[in-house]
Amino acid sequence: MRADVQQVADGTYLVHGSNTNWVILTEGDAVTLIDTGYPGDRPRLLASLSEVGSAPEAVEAVLITHAHTDHLGNAEYLRTTYGTPIYLHEAEVPHARRDFLHQVNVGTVLRNGWRPGVLPWAIHAIRSGGTAHVPVTSPEAFPSAGPLDLPGRPVPVHTPGHTDGHCAFHLPEAGAVIAGDALVSGHPTSRVKGPQLLPDMFHHERTRAVASLAVFEGLKGDVLLPGHGPLHRGPVREAALQARERAV
């Protein structure tokens, strides 16, 4: 299965999975992988590594923006198969272990089923393994405050609200920000195009999610790599301001 891989800077690639994005950072033969898609995205995930001339054995670490199944889906597979360490914000580590689950549930989806795009999205999510139990047995907190000593030198940036431990990753050298689900550019359940928050039903605490947009306003960069939607070019600060205006 061919992956939809988009090079956005030297050694920086945005990959569009079946409905969720992940990012590959390369440095020589070594790789940092940020997010892993749905469980059903595994063929695309492996194909994307091949597309950039790499392989799962070369992944030095997996960084997870947050532990929702569509981002965490293949992390434990990589850990158990290749010994890849899985890093998250300390507040997200127990979420990755599934000590608890802060994720939209079936009841909430059904109550929102009248909204455009919700039912097709839900069917896709179920078929892709969105309701699967995919805990990471031994997730770890980031080993330092950043920049991390990994390919791409990503800097974790805590952006809570979507989940308690949601993290974006700043790439100062590339002038880019990997936003996860704290700032997206589209979603099948949204009619809006461009920078925005996900619909309310997806956030654990919407008020904190809105407040975290101020964090993005302080990050320098002209490329936004979202967890959902297309690549967005333009000042990240302006993208965050636009999302804030739409969230009112």
Protein backbone atom coordinates (compact mmCIF):
# COMPACT_ATOMS: atom_id res chain seq x y z
CA MET A 1 0.00 0.00 0.00
CA ARG A 2 1.56 3.27 -1.14
CA ALA A 3 1.75 6.06 1.43
CA ASP A 4 0.91 9.70 0.77
CA VAL A 5 4.24 11.25 1.77
CA GLN A 6 4.87 14.98 1.43
CA GLN A 7 8.34 16.44 1.99
CA VAL A 8 7.98 19.82 3.67
CA ALA A 9 11.62 20.60 4.52
CA ASP A 10 14.98 18.84 4.51
CA GLY A 11 14.49 15.60 6.41
CA THR A 12 10.90 16.48 7.35
CA TYR A 13 7.94 14.57 5.92
CA LEU A 14 4.20 14.81 6.56
CA VAL A 15 2.38 11.55 5.89
CA HIS A 16 -1.37 11.43 5.29
CA GLY A 17 -2.77 8.15 6.57
CA SER A 18 -6.31 6.94 6.01
CA ASN A 19 -7.67 9.78 8.16
CA THR A 20 -4.81 10.83 10.46
CA ASN A 21 -1.37 12.28 9.77
CA TRP A 22 2.02 11.36 11.16
CA VAL A 23 5.48 12.88 10.67
CA ILE A 24 8.86 11.36 9.81
CA LEU A 25 12.08 13.20 10.67
CA THR A 26 15.26 11.85 9.11
CA GLU A 27 18.92 12.48 9.87
CA GLY A 28 21.28 10.28 7.91
CA ASP A 29 20.04 6.73 8.40
CA ALA A 30 18.21 7.51 11.63
CA VAL A 31 14.54 8.42 12.03
CA THR A 32 12.18 9.98 14.55
CA LEU A 33 8.54 9.02 14.05
CA ILE A 34 5.85 11.29 15.45
CA ASP A 35 2.50 9.50 15.85
CA THR A 36 1.59 6.16 14.26
CA GLY A 37 -1.96 6.36 12.88
CA TYR A 38 -4.84 3.96 13.44
CA PRO A 39 -4.07 0.25 13.94
CA GLY A 40 -5.38 -0.24 10.41
CA ASP A 41 -2.83 2.25 9.08
CA ARG A 42 0.07 -0.13 9.72
CA PRO A 43 0.66 -0.98 6.02
CA ARG A 44 0.69 2.75 5.21
CA LEU A 45 2.98 3.48 8.15
CA LEU A 46 5.54 0.90 7.07
CA ALA A 47 5.22 2.00 3.44
CA SER A 48 5.86 5.63 4.43
CA LEU A 49 9.15 4.69 6.08
CA SER A 50 10.16 2.85 2.93
CA GLU A 51 9.09 5.85 0.82
CA VAL A 52 11.67 8.06 2.58
CA GLY A 53 14.37 5.41 2.20
CA SER A 54 14.14 4.08 5.73
CA ALA A 55 12.73 1.13 7.67
CA PRO A 56 11.14 0.52 11.09
CA GLU A 57 14.48 -0.78 12.40
CA ALA A 58 15.93 2.72 11.87
CA VAL A 59 13.36 4.49 14.07
CA GLU A 60 15.26 5.72 17.12
CA ALA A 61 12.11 6.74 18.96
CA VAL A 62 8.39 7.23 18.53
CA LEU A 63 7.01 10.49 19.90
CA ILE A 64 3.26 10.61 20.52
CA THR A 65 1.36 13.89 20.48
CA HIS A 66 -1.44 12.27 22.49
CA ALA A 67 -2.73 8.81 23.22
CA HIS A 68 -5.90 8.65 21.16
CA THR A 69 -6.13 5.42 19.20
CA ASP A 70 -5.78 7.10 15.81
CA HIS A 71 -2.35 8.41 16.85
CA LEU A 72 -1.19 5.63 19.16
CA GLY A 73 -2.44 2.73 17.03
CA ASN A 74 0.89 1.16 16.04
CA ALA A 75 3.15 2.32 18.86
CA GLU A 76 3.06 -0.93 20.83
CA TYR A 77 3.69 -2.92 17.65
CA LEU A 78 6.88 -0.93 17.02
CA ARG A 79 7.93 -1.25 20.67
CA THR A 80 7.47 -5.01 20.87
CA THR A 81 8.72 -5.82 17.37
CA TYR A 82 11.70 -3.48 17.11
CA GLY A 83 12.35 -2.35 20.67
CA THR A 84 11.50 1.26 19.79
CA PRO A 85 11.06 3.52 22.83
CA ILE A 86 7.74 5.37 23.02
CA TYR A 87 7.86 8.88 24.50
CA LEU A 88 5.03 11.19 25.58
CA HIS A 89 4.45 14.08 27.96
CA GLU A 90 4.46 12.82 31.54
CA ALA A 91 0.75 13.59 31.90
CA GLU A 92 0.00 11.44 28.86
CA VAL A 93 2.01 8.38 29.94
CA PRO A 94 -0.82 6.84 32.02
CA HIS A 95 -3.21 7.58 29.15
CA ALA A 96 -0.97 5.59 26.80
CA ARG A 97 -0.96 2.70 29.30
CA ARG A 98 -4.76 2.94 29.30
CA ASP A 99 -4.95 3.58 33.02
CA PHE A 100 -7.84 5.72 31.76
CA LEU A 101 -9.21 6.71 28.37
CA HIS A 102 -10.08 10.30 27.46
CA GLN A 103 -11.49 9.73 24.00
CA VAL A 104 -14.83 10.38 22.33
CA ASN A 105 -17.14 7.47 23.08
CA VAL A 106 -19.78 5.74 20.99
CA GLY A 107 -22.64 7.41 22.83
CA THR A 108 -21.30 10.89 22.12
CA VAL A 109 -20.77 10.01 18.47
CA LEU A 110 -24.35 8.72 18.17
CA ARG A 111 -25.73 11.89 19.78
CA ASN A 112 -23.82 13.88 17.17
CA GLY A 113 -24.70 11.56 14.30
CA TRP A 114 -27.01 14.15 12.75
CA ARG A 115 -24.03 16.42 12.07
CA PRO A 116 -22.60 16.32 8.52
CA GLY A 117 -19.77 13.85 8.14
CA VAL A 118 -20.00 12.28 11.59
CA LEU A 119 -21.44 8.88 10.66
CA PRO A 120 -19.11 8.31 7.65
CA TRP A 121 -16.17 9.29 9.87
CA ALA A 122 -17.36 6.91 12.63
CA ILE A 123 -17.69 4.00 10.21
CA HIS A 124 -14.18 4.65 8.92
CA ALA A 125 -12.82 4.91 12.47
CA ILE A 126 -14.33 1.57 13.47
CA ARG A 127 -13.06 -0.16 10.34
CA SER A 128 -9.57 1.27 10.98
CA GLY A 129 -9.44 -0.04 14.54
CA GLY A 130 -10.53 3.14 16.30
CA THR A 131 -12.27 1.19 19.06
CA ALA A 132 -9.40 -1.28 19.53
CA HIS A 133 -7.61 -1.60 22.86
CA VAL A 134 -4.03 -0.56 22.03
CA PRO A 135 -2.19 0.26 25.26
CA VAL A 136 1.56 0.81 25.28
CA THR A 137 3.00 -1.47 27.94
CA SER A 138 6.02 0.66 28.82
CA PRO A 139 5.54 4.27 27.65
CA GLU A 140 8.11 6.78 28.86
CA ALA A 141 8.07 10.50 29.59
CA PHE A 142 10.28 12.64 27.37
CA PRO A 143 13.88 12.21 28.54
CA SER A 144 14.48 15.98 28.58
CA ALA A 145 12.61 19.26 28.28
CA GLY A 146 13.91 19.62 24.73
CA PRO A 147 15.23 19.88 22.20
CA LEU A 148 15.30 16.11 22.24
CA ASP A 149 18.51 14.37 21.19
CA LEU A 150 16.79 12.68 18.26
CA PRO A 151 16.71 13.17 14.49
CA GLY A 152 15.11 16.53 13.74
CA ARG A 153 15.81 17.84 17.26
CA PRO A 154 12.09 18.24 18.06
CA VAL A 155 11.14 20.41 21.02
CA PRO A 156 8.09 19.15 22.97
CA VAL A 157 5.54 21.89 23.68
CA HIS A 158 2.75 21.09 26.14
CA THR A 159 -0.62 22.04 24.62
CA PRO A 160 -3.27 20.51 26.91
CA GLY A 161 -7.01 20.48 26.37
CA HIS A 162 -7.55 17.92 23.65
CA THR A 163 -6.04 15.60 26.28
CA ASP A 164 -4.25 16.45 29.53
CA GLY A 165 -0.82 15.64 28.16
CA HIS A 166 -1.19 16.67 24.54
CA CYS A 167 2.11 17.90 23.08
CA ALA A 168 3.02 19.69 19.90
CA PHE A 169 6.59 19.58 18.61
CA HIS A 170 8.50 22.64 17.44
CA LEU A 171 11.15 22.19 14.76
CA PRO A 172 13.07 25.50 14.93
CA GLU A 173 15.62 24.52 12.27
CA ALA A 174 12.89 23.61 9.79
CA GLY A 175 10.66 26.53 10.78
CA ALA A 176 7.81 24.12 11.38
CA VAL A 177 5.39 23.04 14.10
CA ILE A 178 3.90 19.57 14.42
CA ALA A 179 0.56 20.39 15.99
CA GLY A 180 -1.12 17.02 16.57
CA ASP A 181 -4.81 17.60 17.34
CA ALA A 182 -4.35 20.88 19.20
CA LEU A 183 -4.47 22.83 15.91
CA VAL A 184 -5.68 21.17 12.72
CA SER A 185 -6.44 22.27 9.17
CA GLY A 186 -9.45 20.07 8.47
CA HIS A 187 -11.44 17.03 9.56
CA PRO A 188 -14.18 14.88 7.96
CA THR A 189 -16.64 16.06 10.63
CA SER A 190 -15.96 19.76 10.01
CA ARG A 191 -17.14 21.92 7.13
CA VAL A 192 -14.41 24.45 7.89
CA LYS A 193 -11.26 24.53 5.81
CA GLY A 194 -8.01 25.88 7.22
CA PRO A 195 -6.67 26.35 10.75
CA GLN A 196 -9.20 25.37 13.42
CA LEU A 197 -9.85 23.39 16.56
CA LEU A 198 -11.44 19.99 16.16
CA PRO A 199 -15.20 19.86 16.89
CA ASP A 200 -16.01 20.11 20.58
CA MET A 201 -16.91 16.44 21.07
CA PHE A 202 -13.29 15.42 20.53
CA HIS A 203 -11.77 17.54 23.32
CA HIS A 204 -11.36 16.41 26.90
CA GLU A 205 -11.43 20.07 28.06
CA ARG A 206 -12.37 22.52 25.35
CA THR A 207 -11.55 25.59 27.46
CA ARG A 208 -7.95 24.42 27.88
CA ALA A 209 -7.78 23.53 24.18
CA VAL A 210 -8.71 27.11 23.29
CA ALA A 211 -6.21 28.45 25.82
CA SER A 212 -3.43 26.33 24.29
CA LEU A 213 -3.77 28.23 21.03
CA ALA A 214 -1.83 31.00 22.79
CA VAL A 215 1.12 28.60 22.97
CA PHE A 216 1.12 28.26 19.18
CA GLU A 217 0.94 32.04 18.86
CA GLY A 218 4.36 32.17 20.52
CA LEU A 219 6.07 29.63 18.25
CA LYS A 220 8.14 30.79 15.28
CA GLY A 221 7.53 28.92 12.07
CA ASP A 222 5.88 29.15 8.68
CA VAL A 223 4.82 25.52 8.25
CA LEU A 224 2.07 23.79 10.24
CA LEU A 225 1.96 19.99 10.21
CA PRO A 226 -1.45 19.10 11.68
CA GLY A 227 -2.73 15.79 12.99
CA HIS A 228 -5.69 16.08 10.60
CA GLY A 229 -6.05 17.97 7.35
CA PRO A 230 -3.55 19.21 4.75
CA LEU A 231 -0.22 20.91 5.29
CA HIS A 232 -0.69 24.59 6.09
CA ARG A 233 1.85 27.17 4.97
CA GLY A 234 1.97 30.58 6.58
CA PRO A 235 2.96 31.95 9.98
CA VAL A 236 1.94 29.54 12.73
CA ARG A 237 0.99 32.52 14.87
CA GLU A 238 -1.59 33.62 12.30
CA ALA A 239 -2.94 30.08 11.99
CA ALA A 240 -3.49 29.96 15.75
CA LEU A 241 -5.19 33.36 15.74
CA GLN A 242 -7.49 32.22 12.94
CA ALA A 243 -8.39 29.08 14.88
CA ARG A 244 -9.09 31.18 17.97
CA GLU A 245 -11.46 33.44 16.00
CA ARG A 246 -13.32 30.40 14.70
CA ALA A 247 -13.56 28.91 18.20
CA VAL A 248 -15.51 31.86 19.62
